[in-house]
């Protein structure tokens, strides 16, 4: 197996390139409202205790509120609303 050796000037050039790459990294300001994110995550779920949740139906009832029935596996809605579409 052949290995190549770098001269001092080649090593310095490589180190300078790496330093420039680090200096060119742009940092972004990230502001996350974790309370709002948590509320949005829980919007279609119902707590069943011990930190566990079940998905609830995302369909709207005739009165205009969100249906609170348990959704079917693999669906966004309950049995009643899956047949009414």
N, C-alpha and C. Protein backbone atom coordinates (compact mmCIF):
# COMPACT_ATOMS: atom_id res chain seq x y z
N UNK A 1 0.84 -1.16 0.00
CA UNK A 1 0.00 0.00 0.00
C UNK A 1 0.90 1.24 0.00
N UNK A 2 0.66 2.10 -0.93
CA UNK A 2 1.45 3.31 -1.03
C UNK A 2 0.79 4.44 -0.25
N UNK A 3 1.59 5.16 0.49
CA UNK A 3 1.06 6.33 1.18
C UNK A 3 1.86 7.53 0.74
N UNK A 4 1.20 8.64 0.61
CA UNK A 4 1.89 9.85 0.17
C UNK A 4 2.14 10.73 1.38
N UNK A 5 3.23 11.41 1.33
CA UNK A 5 3.57 12.33 2.41
C UNK A 5 3.42 13.74 1.89
N UNK A 6 2.91 14.59 2.72
CA UNK A 6 2.75 15.99 2.35
C UNK A 6 3.95 16.79 2.84
N UNK A 7 4.32 17.76 2.04
CA UNK A 7 5.38 18.67 2.48
C UNK A 7 4.79 19.63 3.49
N UNK A 8 5.65 20.40 4.15
CA UNK A 8 5.16 21.38 5.13
C UNK A 8 4.23 22.39 4.48
N UNK A 9 4.56 22.82 3.27
CA UNK A 9 3.72 23.81 2.59
C UNK A 9 2.38 23.20 2.20
N UNK A 10 2.35 21.93 1.80
CA UNK A 10 1.08 21.27 1.48
C UNK A 10 0.24 21.09 2.73
N UNK A 11 0.86 20.70 3.84
CA UNK A 11 0.14 20.54 5.10
C UNK A 11 -0.44 21.86 5.55
N UNK A 12 0.35 22.95 5.45
CA UNK A 12 -0.13 24.28 5.84
C UNK A 12 -1.30 24.70 4.96
N UNK A 13 -1.22 24.42 3.66
CA UNK A 13 -2.29 24.77 2.73
C UNK A 13 -3.58 24.03 3.11
N UNK A 14 -3.46 22.76 3.43
CA UNK A 14 -4.63 21.96 3.83
C UNK A 14 -5.24 22.52 5.11
N UNK A 15 -4.39 22.86 6.08
CA UNK A 15 -4.87 23.42 7.35
C UNK A 15 -5.55 24.76 7.12
N UNK A 16 -4.99 25.59 6.25
CA UNK A 16 -5.59 26.90 5.94
C UNK A 16 -6.95 26.72 5.28
N UNK A 17 -7.08 25.75 4.38
CA UNK A 17 -8.36 25.49 3.71
C UNK A 17 -9.41 25.05 4.72
N UNK A 18 -9.01 24.19 5.65
CA UNK A 18 -9.95 23.73 6.69
C UNK A 18 -10.38 24.89 7.58
N UNK A 19 -9.43 25.78 7.93
CA UNK A 19 -9.74 26.94 8.76
C UNK A 19 -10.72 27.86 8.03
N UNK A 20 -10.51 28.06 6.72
CA UNK A 20 -11.41 28.90 5.93
C UNK A 20 -12.81 28.30 5.88
N UNK A 21 -12.91 26.98 5.74
CA UNK A 21 -14.21 26.31 5.73
C UNK A 21 -14.95 26.56 7.04
N UNK A 22 -14.23 26.48 8.15
CA UNK A 22 -14.86 26.72 9.45
C UNK A 22 -15.32 28.15 9.58
N UNK A 23 -14.55 29.10 9.05
CA UNK A 23 -14.91 30.51 9.14
C UNK A 23 -16.09 30.85 8.25
N UNK A 24 -16.31 30.09 7.18
CA UNK A 24 -17.39 30.36 6.24
C UNK A 24 -18.73 29.77 6.69
N UNK A 25 -18.74 29.06 7.79
CA UNK A 25 -19.98 28.49 8.29
C UNK A 25 -20.87 29.61 8.81
N UNK A 26 -22.12 29.64 8.35
CA UNK A 26 -23.07 30.67 8.75
C UNK A 26 -23.95 30.11 9.87
N UNK A 27 -24.06 30.84 10.94
CA UNK A 27 -24.92 30.42 12.05
C UNK A 27 -26.27 31.09 11.90
N UNK A 28 -27.33 30.35 12.14
CA UNK A 28 -28.68 30.87 12.04
C UNK A 28 -29.30 30.94 13.42
N UNK A 29 -30.08 31.97 13.62
CA UNK A 29 -30.80 32.14 14.87
C UNK A 29 -32.08 31.31 14.80
N UNK A 30 -32.24 30.38 15.71
CA UNK A 30 -33.41 29.51 15.72
C UNK A 30 -34.20 29.80 16.99
N UNK A 31 -35.43 30.21 16.80
CA UNK A 31 -36.30 30.47 17.94
C UNK A 31 -37.50 29.54 17.85
N UNK A 32 -37.61 28.63 18.79
CA UNK A 32 -38.70 27.67 18.80
C UNK A 32 -39.54 27.90 20.05
N UNK A 33 -40.84 28.05 19.86
CA UNK A 33 -41.77 28.18 20.97
C UNK A 33 -42.23 26.76 21.31
N UNK A 34 -41.59 26.16 22.30
CA UNK A 34 -41.86 24.77 22.62
C UNK A 34 -43.27 24.56 23.18
N UNK A 35 -43.82 25.56 23.85
CA UNK A 35 -45.19 25.43 24.35
C UNK A 35 -46.17 25.34 23.18
N UNK A 36 -45.99 26.21 22.19
CA UNK A 36 -46.87 26.17 21.02
C UNK A 36 -46.67 24.87 20.24
N UNK A 37 -45.42 24.43 20.09
CA UNK A 37 -45.15 23.19 19.38
C UNK A 37 -45.81 22.00 20.10
N UNK A 38 -45.74 21.99 21.41
CA UNK A 38 -46.37 20.92 22.19
C UNK A 38 -47.88 20.93 22.01
N UNK A 39 -48.47 22.12 22.05
CA UNK A 39 -49.93 22.24 21.87
C UNK A 39 -50.35 21.77 20.49
N UNK A 40 -49.58 22.11 19.46
CA UNK A 40 -49.92 21.69 18.11
C UNK A 40 -49.77 20.17 17.96
N UNK A 41 -48.75 19.59 18.61
CA UNK A 41 -48.55 18.15 18.54
C UNK A 41 -49.69 17.41 19.21
N UNK A 42 -50.20 17.96 20.32
CA UNK A 42 -51.28 17.31 21.07
C UNK A 42 -52.66 17.54 20.46
N UNK A 43 -52.75 18.39 19.45
CA UNK A 43 -54.04 18.78 18.88
C UNK A 43 -54.86 17.59 18.39
N UNK A 44 -54.22 16.59 17.82
CA UNK A 44 -54.96 15.43 17.31
C UNK A 44 -54.71 14.17 18.14
N UNK A 45 -54.38 14.36 19.42
CA UNK A 45 -54.11 13.22 20.30
C UNK A 45 -54.85 13.36 21.61
N UNK A 46 -55.09 12.22 22.26
CA UNK A 46 -55.77 12.18 23.55
C UNK A 46 -54.87 11.41 24.52
N UNK A 47 -54.62 11.97 25.69
CA UNK A 47 -53.77 11.32 26.67
C UNK A 47 -54.48 10.11 27.26
N UNK A 48 -53.74 8.99 27.34
CA UNK A 48 -54.31 7.79 27.96
C UNK A 48 -53.52 7.41 29.21
N UNK A 49 -52.69 8.33 29.69
CA UNK A 49 -51.93 8.12 30.91
C UNK A 49 -50.52 7.61 30.67
N UNK A 50 -49.67 7.79 31.67
CA UNK A 50 -48.27 7.35 31.62
C UNK A 50 -47.50 7.91 30.43
N UNK A 51 -47.86 9.12 29.98
CA UNK A 51 -47.17 9.74 28.86
C UNK A 51 -47.51 9.13 27.52
N UNK A 52 -48.57 8.34 27.46
CA UNK A 52 -48.99 7.70 26.21
C UNK A 52 -50.18 8.45 25.63
N UNK A 53 -50.30 8.40 24.31
CA UNK A 53 -51.37 9.12 23.62
C UNK A 53 -51.98 8.24 22.55
N UNK A 54 -53.25 8.53 22.23
CA UNK A 54 -53.94 7.89 21.12
C UNK A 54 -54.39 8.99 20.18
N UNK A 55 -54.36 8.69 18.88
CA UNK A 55 -54.84 9.65 17.91
C UNK A 55 -56.35 9.76 17.97
N UNK A 56 -56.85 10.97 17.78
CA UNK A 56 -58.30 11.18 17.73
C UNK A 56 -58.68 11.65 16.34
N UNK A 57 -59.96 11.55 16.04
CA UNK A 57 -60.51 11.92 14.74
C UNK A 57 -60.29 13.41 14.47
N UNK A 58 -59.85 13.73 13.27
CA UNK A 58 -59.60 15.13 12.89
C UNK A 58 -60.77 15.75 12.15
N UNK A 59 -61.84 14.97 11.96
CA UNK A 59 -62.99 15.48 11.22
C UNK A 59 -63.80 16.46 12.07
N UNK A 60 -64.56 17.27 11.37
CA UNK A 60 -65.41 18.26 12.04
C UNK A 60 -66.83 17.69 12.16
N UNK A 61 -67.43 17.92 13.32
CA UNK A 61 -68.81 17.46 13.53
C UNK A 61 -69.79 18.44 12.89
N UNK A 62 -71.07 18.09 12.90
CA UNK A 62 -72.09 18.97 12.32
C UNK A 62 -72.17 20.30 13.05
N UNK A 63 -71.83 20.30 14.34
CA UNK A 63 -71.88 21.54 15.11
C UNK A 63 -70.63 22.40 14.92
N UNK A 64 -69.64 21.90 14.16
CA UNK A 64 -68.45 22.69 13.85
C UNK A 64 -67.27 22.45 14.78
N UNK A 65 -67.39 21.54 15.74
CA UNK A 65 -66.27 21.24 16.64
C UNK A 65 -65.53 20.00 16.15
N UNK A 66 -64.34 19.77 16.68
CA UNK A 66 -63.57 18.60 16.28
C UNK A 66 -64.14 17.35 16.94
N UNK A 67 -64.27 16.29 16.15
CA UNK A 67 -64.72 15.01 16.67
C UNK A 67 -63.64 14.49 17.63
N UNK A 68 -64.02 13.93 18.75
CA UNK A 68 -63.05 13.47 19.74
C UNK A 68 -62.97 11.94 19.82
N UNK A 69 -63.58 11.24 18.86
CA UNK A 69 -63.52 9.77 18.87
C UNK A 69 -62.13 9.30 18.48
N UNK A 70 -61.80 8.09 18.91
CA UNK A 70 -60.51 7.50 18.57
C UNK A 70 -60.47 7.20 17.08
N UNK A 71 -59.37 7.57 16.42
CA UNK A 71 -59.26 7.33 14.98
C UNK A 71 -58.88 5.87 14.73
N UNK A 72 -59.21 5.41 13.54
CA UNK A 72 -58.88 4.04 13.14
C UNK A 72 -57.40 3.97 12.82
N UNK A 73 -56.79 2.80 12.96
CA UNK A 73 -55.37 2.64 12.66
C UNK A 73 -55.12 2.97 11.19
N UNK A 74 -54.12 3.80 10.96
CA UNK A 74 -53.75 4.18 9.61
C UNK A 74 -54.65 5.22 8.98
N UNK A 75 -55.58 5.78 9.74
CA UNK A 75 -56.48 6.80 9.23
C UNK A 75 -56.45 8.04 10.12
N UNK A 76 -56.91 9.17 9.58
CA UNK A 76 -56.99 10.41 10.34
C UNK A 76 -58.36 10.60 10.98
N UNK A 77 -59.25 9.66 10.74
CA UNK A 77 -60.61 9.85 11.25
C UNK A 77 -61.17 8.55 11.84
N UNK A 78 -62.29 8.70 12.53
CA UNK A 78 -62.94 7.56 13.17
C UNK A 78 -63.75 6.77 12.15
N UNK A 79 -64.36 5.69 12.62
CA UNK A 79 -65.14 4.81 11.72
C UNK A 79 -66.33 5.56 11.11
N UNK A 80 -66.95 6.40 11.89
CA UNK A 80 -68.14 7.13 11.42
C UNK A 80 -67.75 8.10 10.29
N UNK A 81 -66.68 8.86 10.48
CA UNK A 81 -66.30 9.86 9.49
C UNK A 81 -65.57 9.27 8.29
N UNK A 82 -65.04 8.06 8.41
CA UNK A 82 -64.35 7.46 7.26
C UNK A 82 -65.36 6.99 6.23
N UNK A 83 -66.56 6.64 6.66
CA UNK A 83 -67.59 6.16 5.73
C UNK A 83 -68.41 7.32 5.15
N UNK A 84 -68.40 8.46 5.80
CA UNK A 84 -69.26 9.57 5.36
C UNK A 84 -68.60 10.40 4.26
N UNK A 85 -67.38 10.07 3.86
CA UNK A 85 -66.69 10.88 2.84
C UNK A 85 -66.93 10.37 1.45
